[in-house]
Amino acid sequence: MSVKFINLRHLKAFKEVASQGGISAAAVRVHLSQPAVTQAITRLEEHFGTPLFERRRNGMFVTQSGAALHVRVQNLFQLLDNGADDAVRSAARRSDKPNMGFQNQVTASQLRALVAIWETGGFSLAARAIGISQPSIHRAGRDLEKLSGMTLFVSSRKGIELTPQAEPFARAVKLAAAELRQGYDEITRLSEDDNTTIVVGSMPLSRTSILPEAIDKLLVHGASIQVRTVDGPYAELLRGLRHGDLDVLVGALRDPLPSDDVIQEPLLDDSLAIVVGPHHPLAHKSNLSVADTMTYPWIAPPKATPTGTYLYHMLDIENADVTPVRVVSSSLVLVRGLLSKGNYVTLISLQQTKVERAQGLIIPLDISLPKSTRSIGLTYRADWKPTPTQTNFFDLLRQAATHAATPTYT
């Protein structure tokens, strides 16, 4: 997700006016003239399309929108401070001579350049991604290096990569941009035209009932709200969450906790089952064992997934002379198609296949699977403060999970 920053000097002026309650005190703290601070506030109010302050004889007082934005802007600058501190500590162990407090002098264009180069792995691709010339982005990146006193970029066979000291600051920049995005969203909600965009990392176990139900109920109450779902391998989704590209992951939780900067919230338990198509020779038979399935071709989820790991050990594939697995896929659409075509067998979530089981398209076999229960839930950043709309969506996800956990058929 591209980083979108507005003038950082304007945001600093806004933060100080909100904290100090007046233009003159704020001007001293940000080292600007009073007319410059006044102009900065005016520009921000034009940008957000709403008054951020009430002007009174005894000072400047934030409006409801201004108060919401103030919290986000404070978080934004705190994140940049923390990221810069981490970068400086990392650089101090190397040959660099970092400039303490460099984050107080950076520009929005330099931050955009840093993240674009990080995400694309090159100056030309980064320039194309954010719509500026290659010399401009090269200059912004090198100016940031000079300002910080640190080596931020190195050439490799893959292109341009960030140095170890640059990465924590780049991650902080992305999280700061996410805070600003939330500030936009809160202001639109307060203006009764909620334009909140919620970005969800969608894992397979959430897509059948939990996410559809929660999204549908959320959109009923907000004509301009948008939910974006992102699919992908768990490692990529987790990285997107930790870097501010995603707001929440919904799906199978991991044990142990994948990172100490995220929180996992269980919503319901899910069980695995060995399933076949409705015309499979084993369908509807009783007292079966795993051994009964071994003469049929297996469809396996990727080994890196929790279900794939369980299957790998259940079938003892490591010690098998010949693996029964003929297809490896995490696509429910493909699995469903194969089960309808031949005598395939697979291991899959009962929650994930509720609709197909209700329609008789997938038949669970009568085979006990010990220790196959998994927790399904939410994963979000530990220090994340959701907006009211995001909080409402979380509540709807919890309600949907409660409904999904209520057995309606087998």
Protein backbone atom coordinates (compact mmCIF):
# COMPACT_ATOMS: atom_id res chain seq x y z
CA MET A 1 0.00 0.00 0.00
CA SER A 2 1.47 3.36 -1.01
CA VAL A 3 2.31 5.78 1.77
CA LYS A 4 0.33 9.00 1.66
CA PHE A 5 1.62 11.90 3.74
CA ILE A 6 0.65 15.54 3.67
CA ASN A 7 3.02 18.36 4.63
CA LEU A 8 4.69 17.26 7.88
CA ARG A 9 5.37 20.85 8.98
CA HIS A 10 1.64 21.53 8.74
CA LEU A 11 0.91 18.44 10.84
CA LYS A 12 3.48 19.52 13.45
CA ALA A 13 1.92 22.97 13.60
CA PHE A 14 -1.52 21.41 14.01
CA LYS A 15 -0.28 19.15 16.81
CA GLU A 16 1.20 22.05 18.75
CA VAL A 17 -1.78 24.37 18.28
CA ALA A 18 -4.05 21.59 19.56
CA SER A 19 -1.74 20.92 22.52
CA GLN A 20 -0.97 24.57 23.39
CA GLY A 21 -4.41 25.99 22.68
CA GLY A 22 -3.11 28.89 20.61
CA ILE A 23 -1.13 30.06 17.60
CA SER A 24 1.60 32.07 19.38
CA ALA A 25 2.72 29.29 21.75
CA ALA A 26 2.64 26.77 18.92
CA ALA A 27 4.71 29.03 16.66
CA VAL A 28 7.51 29.09 19.24
CA ARG A 29 7.56 25.31 19.54
CA VAL A 30 7.66 24.60 15.80
CA HIS A 31 10.01 27.52 15.00
CA LEU A 32 7.62 29.14 12.55
CA SER A 33 6.08 32.60 12.37
CA GLN A 34 2.51 33.02 13.60
CA PRO A 35 1.26 33.75 10.07
CA ALA A 36 2.93 30.53 8.86
CA VAL A 37 1.21 28.50 11.58
CA THR A 38 -2.12 30.15 10.78
CA GLN A 39 -1.65 29.30 7.11
CA ALA A 40 -0.76 25.70 7.98
CA ILE A 41 -3.99 25.27 9.93
CA THR A 42 -6.00 26.81 7.12
CA ARG A 43 -4.41 24.48 4.59
CA LEU A 44 -5.18 21.44 6.73
CA GLU A 45 -8.79 22.46 7.21
CA GLU A 46 -9.11 22.87 3.45
CA HIS A 47 -7.49 19.48 2.93
CA PHE A 48 -9.79 17.66 5.34
CA GLY A 49 -12.83 19.70 4.35
CA THR A 50 -13.87 20.53 7.89
CA PRO A 51 -12.99 22.96 10.72
CA LEU A 52 -10.38 21.52 13.06
CA PHE A 53 -10.52 24.38 15.59
CA GLU A 54 -12.99 26.76 17.14
CA ARG A 55 -11.46 30.24 17.20
CA ARG A 56 -12.22 32.08 20.42
CA ARG A 57 -10.83 35.18 22.08
CA ASN A 58 -9.10 33.05 24.67
CA GLY A 59 -7.52 30.58 22.28
CA MET A 60 -7.92 27.84 19.70
CA PHE A 61 -9.91 24.78 20.73
CA VAL A 62 -10.15 21.56 18.73
CA THR A 63 -13.47 20.58 17.23
CA GLN A 64 -14.63 16.97 17.44
CA SER A 65 -12.89 16.28 14.13
CA GLY A 66 -9.79 18.12 15.32
CA ALA A 67 -9.67 16.06 18.50
CA ALA A 68 -9.87 12.80 16.54
CA LEU A 69 -7.14 13.93 14.17
CA HIS A 70 -4.97 15.19 17.04
CA VAL A 71 -4.81 11.72 18.58
CA ARG A 72 -3.76 10.20 15.25
CA VAL A 73 -1.16 12.88 14.55
CA GLN A 74 0.36 12.43 18.01
CA ASN A 75 0.58 8.69 17.34
CA LEU A 76 2.10 9.39 13.92
CA PHE A 77 4.99 11.43 15.29
CA GLN A 78 5.53 9.03 18.18
CA LEU A 79 5.87 6.17 15.70
CA LEU A 80 8.41 8.15 13.67
CA ASP A 81 10.36 8.93 16.85
CA ASN A 82 10.40 5.26 17.89
CA GLY A 83 11.40 4.09 14.42
CA ALA A 84 14.20 6.65 14.23
CA ASP A 85 15.48 5.61 17.66
CA ASP A 86 15.56 1.96 16.55
CA ALA A 87 17.40 2.95 13.37
CA VAL A 88 19.98 5.01 15.26
CA ARG A 89 20.62 2.20 17.74
CA SER A 90 21.14 -0.24 14.88
CA ALA A 91 23.43 2.17 13.00
CA ALA A 92 25.52 2.87 16.11
CA ARG A 93 26.73 -0.74 15.97
CA ARG A 94 28.10 -0.11 12.48
CA SER A 95 30.35 2.47 10.87
CA ASP A 96 27.61 5.08 10.39
CA LYS A 97 27.43 8.29 12.41
CA PRO A 98 23.67 8.75 12.78
CA ASN A 99 22.09 12.13 13.24
CA MET A 100 19.99 12.05 16.41
CA GLY A 101 16.57 13.57 15.85
CA PHE A 102 16.78 13.43 12.07
CA GLN A 103 13.08 12.46 11.95
CA ASN A 104 12.19 16.00 12.99
CA GLN A 105 13.56 17.33 9.71
CA VAL A 106 12.33 14.75 7.19
CA THR A 107 9.85 15.66 4.47
CA ALA A 108 6.82 13.80 3.21
CA SER A 109 8.50 13.23 -0.15
CA GLN A 110 11.51 11.62 1.52
CA LEU A 111 9.27 9.26 3.49
CA ARG A 112 7.32 8.31 0.38
CA ALA A 113 10.57 7.64 -1.45
CA LEU A 114 11.95 5.45 1.35
CA VAL A 115 8.90 3.19 1.41
CA ALA A 116 8.53 3.04 -2.37
CA ILE A 117 12.16 1.99 -2.80
CA TRP A 118 11.73 -0.61 -0.05
CA GLU A 119 8.61 -2.10 -1.62
CA THR A 120 9.74 -2.11 -5.24
CA GLY A 121 13.46 -2.80 -4.85
CA GLY A 122 14.66 -0.10 -7.22
CA PHE A 123 14.66 3.62 -7.97
CA SER A 124 12.99 3.38 -11.37
CA LEU A 125 10.18 1.09 -10.18
CA ALA A 126 9.68 3.25 -7.09
CA ALA A 127 9.44 6.39 -9.22
CA ARG A 128 6.84 4.73 -11.41
CA ALA A 129 4.88 3.52 -8.36
CA ILE A 130 4.42 6.99 -6.90
CA GLY A 131 4.31 8.90 -10.16
CA ILE A 132 7.49 11.00 -10.09
CA SER A 133 10.70 11.04 -12.12
CA GLN A 134 13.58 8.72 -11.30
CA PRO A 135 15.98 11.62 -10.59
CA SER A 136 13.45 13.03 -8.12
CA ILE A 137 13.09 9.83 -6.14
CA HIS A 138 16.83 9.21 -6.26
CA ARG A 139 17.45 12.70 -4.89
CA ALA A 140 14.82 12.25 -2.14
CA GLY A 141 16.37 8.95 -1.07
CA ARG A 142 19.92 10.29 -1.03
CA ASP A 143 18.84 13.47 0.79
CA LEU A 144 17.29 11.27 3.47
CA GLU A 145 20.55 9.35 3.80
CA LYS A 146 22.49 12.58 4.19
CA LEU A 147 19.99 13.93 6.72
CA SER A 148 19.97 10.76 8.82
CA GLY A 149 23.74 10.23 8.68
CA MET A 150 23.11 6.58 7.88
CA THR A 151 23.47 4.29 4.92
CA LEU A 152 19.89 3.41 4.04
CA PHE A 153 20.19 1.69 0.66
CA VAL A 154 22.49 -1.02 -0.67
CA SER A 155 22.72 -2.65 -4.08
CA SER A 156 22.19 -6.40 -4.32
CA ARG A 157 21.44 -8.98 -6.97
CA LYS A 158 17.74 -8.32 -6.33
CA GLY A 159 18.09 -4.57 -6.84
CA ILE A 160 18.11 -1.89 -4.15
CA GLU A 161 17.53 -3.12 -0.61
CA LEU A 162 17.21 -1.33 2.71
CA THR A 163 19.99 -1.68 5.25
CA PRO A 164 19.24 -3.17 8.69
CA GLN A 165 19.14 0.32 10.21
CA ALA A 166 16.74 1.60 7.54
CA GLU A 167 14.13 -1.14 7.90
CA PRO A 168 12.80 -0.23 11.38
CA PHE A 169 12.38 3.38 10.31
CA ALA A 170 10.65 2.38 7.06
CA ARG A 171 8.26 0.16 9.00
CA ALA A 172 7.53 3.04 11.38
CA VAL A 173 6.79 5.26 8.38
CA LYS A 174 4.23 2.77 7.09
CA LEU A 175 2.57 2.51 10.50
CA ALA A 176 2.51 6.31 10.77
CA ALA A 177 0.82 6.51 7.38
CA ALA A 178 -1.78 4.01 8.62
CA GLU A 179 -2.49 6.31 11.58
CA LEU A 180 -3.05 9.22 9.20
CA ARG A 181 -5.40 7.07 7.13
CA GLN A 182 -7.39 6.32 10.27
CA GLY A 183 -7.54 10.05 10.98
CA TYR A 184 -9.10 10.62 7.56
CA ASP A 185 -11.61 7.85 8.24
CA GLU A 186 -12.64 9.25 11.63
CA ILE A 187 -13.20 12.72 10.19
CA THR A 188 -15.44 11.36 7.42
CA ARG A 189 -17.44 9.39 9.99
CA LEU A 190 -17.99 12.50 12.08
CA SER A 191 -19.18 14.36 8.97
CA GLU A 192 -21.82 11.62 8.51
CA ASP A 193 -20.25 10.41 5.28
CA ASP A 194 -18.17 7.54 6.61
CA ASN A 195 -15.54 6.71 3.97
CA THR A 196 -13.67 4.22 6.14
CA THR A 197 -11.74 1.54 4.30
CA ILE A 198 -11.04 -1.60 6.32
CA VAL A 199 -8.34 -3.90 4.94
CA VAL A 200 -8.69 -7.52 6.03
CA GLY A 201 -6.21 -10.33 5.64
CA SER A 202 -8.59 -13.13 4.70
CA MET A 203 -7.63 -16.72 5.45
CA PRO A 204 -9.65 -19.68 4.12
CA LEU A 205 -11.53 -20.51 7.32
CA SER A 206 -13.06 -17.03 7.49
CA ARG A 207 -14.42 -16.75 3.97
CA THR A 208 -17.42 -19.08 4.12
CA SER A 209 -19.57 -17.44 6.75
CA ILE A 210 -17.75 -15.19 9.24
CA LEU A 211 -16.50 -12.51 6.84
CA PRO A 212 -19.54 -12.44 4.52
CA GLU A 213 -21.96 -12.01 7.44
CA ALA A 214 -19.89 -9.29 9.16
CA ILE A 215 -19.23 -7.37 5.95
CA ASP A 216 -22.88 -7.46 4.91
CA LYS A 217 -24.06 -6.12 8.27
CA LEU A 218 -21.39 -3.41 8.31
CA LEU A 219 -22.26 -2.11 4.84
CA VAL A 220 -25.97 -1.88 5.65
CA HIS A 221 -25.16 1.01 8.01
CA GLY A 222 -22.62 2.86 5.87
CA ALA A 223 -23.12 3.52 2.19
CA SER A 224 -19.56 4.78 1.68
CA ILE A 225 -17.69 2.22 3.82
CA GLN A 226 -15.44 -0.13 1.89
CA VAL A 227 -13.95 -3.46 2.96
CA ARG A 228 -10.94 -4.77 1.07
CA THR A 229 -9.94 -8.39 1.55
CA VAL A 230 -6.42 -9.59 0.80
CA ASP A 231 -5.61 -13.27 0.30
CA GLY A 232 -2.17 -14.81 0.39
CA PRO A 233 0.25 -17.01 2.33
CA TYR A 234 0.13 -16.45 6.07
CA ALA A 235 3.67 -15.05 6.23
CA GLU A 236 2.79 -12.35 3.69
CA LEU A 237 -0.44 -11.46 5.48
CA LEU A 238 1.34 -11.23 8.83
CA ARG A 239 3.99 -8.95 7.34
CA GLY A 240 1.27 -6.74 5.84
CA LEU A 241 -0.44 -6.52 9.22
CA ARG A 242 2.76 -5.65 11.09
CA HIS A 243 3.62 -2.97 8.50
CA GLY A 244 0.22 -1.27 8.57
CA ASP A 245 -1.00 -2.46 5.16
CA LEU A 246 -3.69 -4.62 6.79
CA ASP A 247 -5.91 -3.81 9.74
CA VAL A 248 -6.72 -7.33 10.88
CA LEU A 249 -6.24 -10.99 9.95
CA VAL A 250 -9.23 -13.32 10.20
CA GLY A 251 -8.65 -17.07 10.22
CA ALA A 252 -6.73 -19.83 11.95
CA LEU A 253 -4.59 -18.66 14.86
CA ARG A 254 -0.98 -19.75 15.24
CA ASP A 255 0.69 -21.49 18.16
CA PRO A 256 3.08 -20.20 19.31
CA LEU A 257 2.30 -16.51 18.83
CA PRO A 258 3.99 -15.54 15.56
CA SER A 259 5.32 -12.18 16.79
CA ASP A 260 5.35 -10.33 20.09
CA ASP A 261 3.86 -7.18 18.53
CA VAL A 262 0.53 -8.81 17.60
CA ILE A 263 -2.45 -10.06 19.59
CA GLN A 264 -4.48 -13.14 18.73
CA GLU A 265 -8.13 -13.19 19.83
CA PRO A 266 -9.87 -16.59 19.61
CA LEU A 267 -13.45 -16.50 18.33
CA LEU A 268 -14.42 -20.15 17.86
CA ASP A 269 -12.97 -23.63 17.60
CA ASP A 270 -12.96 -25.53 14.34
CA SER A 271 -12.35 -29.20 13.62
CA LEU A 272 -10.83 -30.96 10.65
CA ALA A 273 -12.46 -33.81 8.75
CA ILE A 274 -11.47 -36.22 6.01
CA VAL A 275 -13.95 -35.62 3.20
CA VAL A 276 -14.87 -37.05 -0.20
CA GLY A 277 -17.34 -36.36 -2.97
CA PRO A 278 -20.94 -37.68 -2.78
CA HIS A 279 -20.23 -40.60 -5.17
CA HIS A 280 -17.01 -41.79 -3.56
CA PRO A 281 -16.96 -45.50 -2.61
CA LEU A 282 -16.29 -44.58 1.04
CA ALA A 283 -19.09 -42.00 1.30
CA HIS A 284 -21.66 -42.77 4.02
CA LYS A 285 -19.74 -45.84 5.29
CA SER A 286 -19.17 -46.34 9.03
CA ASN A 287 -16.21 -47.28 11.21
CA LEU A 288 -13.55 -46.23 8.75
CA SER A 289 -9.86 -45.62 9.42
CA VAL A 290 -7.19 -43.52 7.74
CA ALA A 291 -5.79 -46.73 6.28
CA ASP A 292 -9.03 -47.19 4.30
CA THR A 293 -8.29 -43.98 2.38
CA MET A 294 -4.73 -44.78 1.36
CA THR A 295 -5.64 -46.48 -1.91
CA TYR A 296 -7.31 -43.29 -3.16
CA PRO A 297 -5.58 -40.15 -4.46
CA TRP A 298 -5.22 -37.45 -1.82
CA ILE A 299 -5.52 -33.68 -2.24
CA ALA A 300 -3.30 -31.99 0.35
CA PRO A 301 -3.16 -28.38 1.49
CA PRO A 302 0.35 -26.85 1.46
CA LYS A 303 2.55 -28.30 4.19
CA ALA A 304 3.26 -24.81 5.61
CA THR A 305 -0.41 -24.42 6.63
CA PRO A 306 -1.73 -25.84 9.92
CA THR A 307 -3.95 -28.31 8.04
CA GLY A 308 -1.07 -29.33 5.79
CA THR A 309 1.19 -29.94 8.78
CA TYR A 310 -1.49 -32.06 10.47
CA LEU A 311 -1.98 -34.12 7.30
CA TYR A 312 1.76 -34.59 6.82
CA HIS A 313 2.06 -36.18 10.26
CA MET A 314 -1.26 -38.05 10.06
CA LEU A 315 -0.26 -39.82 6.84
CA ASP A 316 3.32 -40.26 8.08
CA ILE A 317 4.49 -39.00 4.71
CA GLU A 318 8.08 -38.67 5.87
CA ASN A 319 8.35 -42.45 6.25
CA ALA A 320 6.06 -43.50 3.41
CA ASP A 321 7.62 -45.32 0.46
CA VAL A 322 5.12 -43.71 -1.90
CA THR A 323 3.05 -40.66 -0.97
CA PRO A 324 -0.72 -40.88 -1.55
CA VAL A 325 -0.77 -37.12 -2.24
CA ARG A 326 -1.42 -36.37 -5.90
CA VAL A 327 -2.53 -32.75 -5.73
CA VAL A 328 -1.35 -29.92 -3.44
CA SER A 329 -3.71 -26.94 -3.30
CA SER A 330 -5.35 -24.56 -0.84
CA SER A 331 -8.14 -23.62 -3.28
CA LEU A 332 -11.56 -24.77 -2.09
CA VAL A 333 -12.92 -24.23 -5.61
CA LEU A 334 -10.33 -26.61 -7.07
CA VAL A 335 -10.81 -29.15 -4.27
CA ARG A 336 -14.57 -29.12 -4.73
CA GLY A 337 -14.15 -29.59 -8.48
CA LEU A 338 -11.80 -32.54 -8.07
CA LEU A 339 -14.06 -34.24 -5.51
CA SER A 340 -16.89 -34.06 -8.04
CA LYS A 341 -14.73 -35.56 -10.80
CA GLY A 342 -13.10 -38.57 -9.14
CA ASN A 343 -12.47 -40.62 -6.03
CA TYR A 344 -10.26 -38.04 -4.33
CA VAL A 345 -9.83 -37.65 -0.58
CA THR A 346 -8.79 -34.57 1.33
CA LEU A 347 -8.47 -33.09 4.80
CA ILE A 348 -10.34 -29.86 5.31
CA SER A 349 -12.04 -27.61 7.86
CA LEU A 350 -15.65 -28.30 8.78
CA GLN A 351 -16.30 -24.55 9.03
CA GLN A 352 -14.81 -23.95 5.60
CA THR A 353 -17.16 -26.49 4.00
CA LYS A 354 -20.46 -25.69 5.72
CA VAL A 355 -22.17 -24.64 2.50
CA GLU A 356 -20.87 -27.58 0.47
CA ARG A 357 -21.86 -30.07 3.19
CA ALA A 358 -25.34 -28.58 3.40
CA GLN A 359 -25.71 -29.01 -0.36
CA GLY A 360 -24.40 -32.58 -0.28
CA LEU A 361 -21.37 -31.74 -2.40
CA ILE A 362 -18.85 -32.82 0.24
CA ILE A 363 -19.26 -35.81 2.57
CA PRO A 364 -17.24 -36.12 5.81
CA LEU A 365 -15.98 -39.64 6.44
CA ASP A 366 -16.56 -41.44 9.72
CA ILE A 367 -12.93 -41.21 10.82
CA SER A 368 -11.81 -39.83 14.17
CA LEU A 369 -9.09 -37.16 14.02
CA PRO A 370 -7.59 -36.60 17.49
CA LYS A 371 -6.16 -33.18 18.32
CA SER A 372 -7.44 -31.64 15.11
CA THR A 373 -9.35 -28.78 16.75
CA ARG A 374 -7.98 -25.31 15.94
CA SER A 375 -8.81 -21.82 17.11
CA ILE A 376 -10.23 -19.38 14.57
CA GLY A 377 -10.00 -15.71 15.42
CA LEU A 378 -8.61 -12.24 14.89
CA THR A 379 -4.99 -11.13 14.75
CA TYR A 380 -4.15 -7.43 15.06
CA ARG A 381 -1.27 -5.20 16.13
CA ALA A 382 -0.76 -4.93 19.87
CA ASP A 383 -0.53 -1.13 19.87
CA TRP A 384 -3.29 -0.59 17.29
CA LYS A 385 -6.17 1.74 18.18
CA PRO A 386 -9.16 1.00 15.92
CA THR A 387 -11.54 3.72 14.79
CA PRO A 388 -15.19 3.48 15.91
CA THR A 389 -16.11 1.98 12.51
CA GLN A 390 -13.33 -0.59 12.79
CA THR A 391 -14.45 -1.39 16.34
CA ASN A 392 -17.99 -1.93 15.06
CA PHE A 393 -16.65 -4.29 12.40
CA PHE A 394 -14.75 -6.28 15.06
CA ASP A 395 -17.98 -6.64 17.04
CA LEU A 396 -19.76 -7.87 13.92
CA LEU A 397 -16.99 -10.42 13.32
CA ARG A 398 -17.42 -11.68 16.88
CA GLN A 399 -21.19 -12.00 16.37
CA ALA A 400 -20.70 -13.81 13.06
CA ALA A 401 -18.28 -16.24 14.72
CA THR A 402 -20.87 -16.98 17.40
CA HIS A 403 -23.43 -17.78 14.69
CA ALA A 404 -20.89 -19.92 12.81
CA ALA A 405 -20.16 -21.91 15.96
CA THR A 406 -23.85 -22.74 16.43
CA PRO A 407 -24.45 -26.16 14.81
CA THR A 408 -27.30 -26.12 12.29
CA TYR A 409 -26.48 -29.33 10.40
CA THR A 410 -23.77 -31.95 10.18
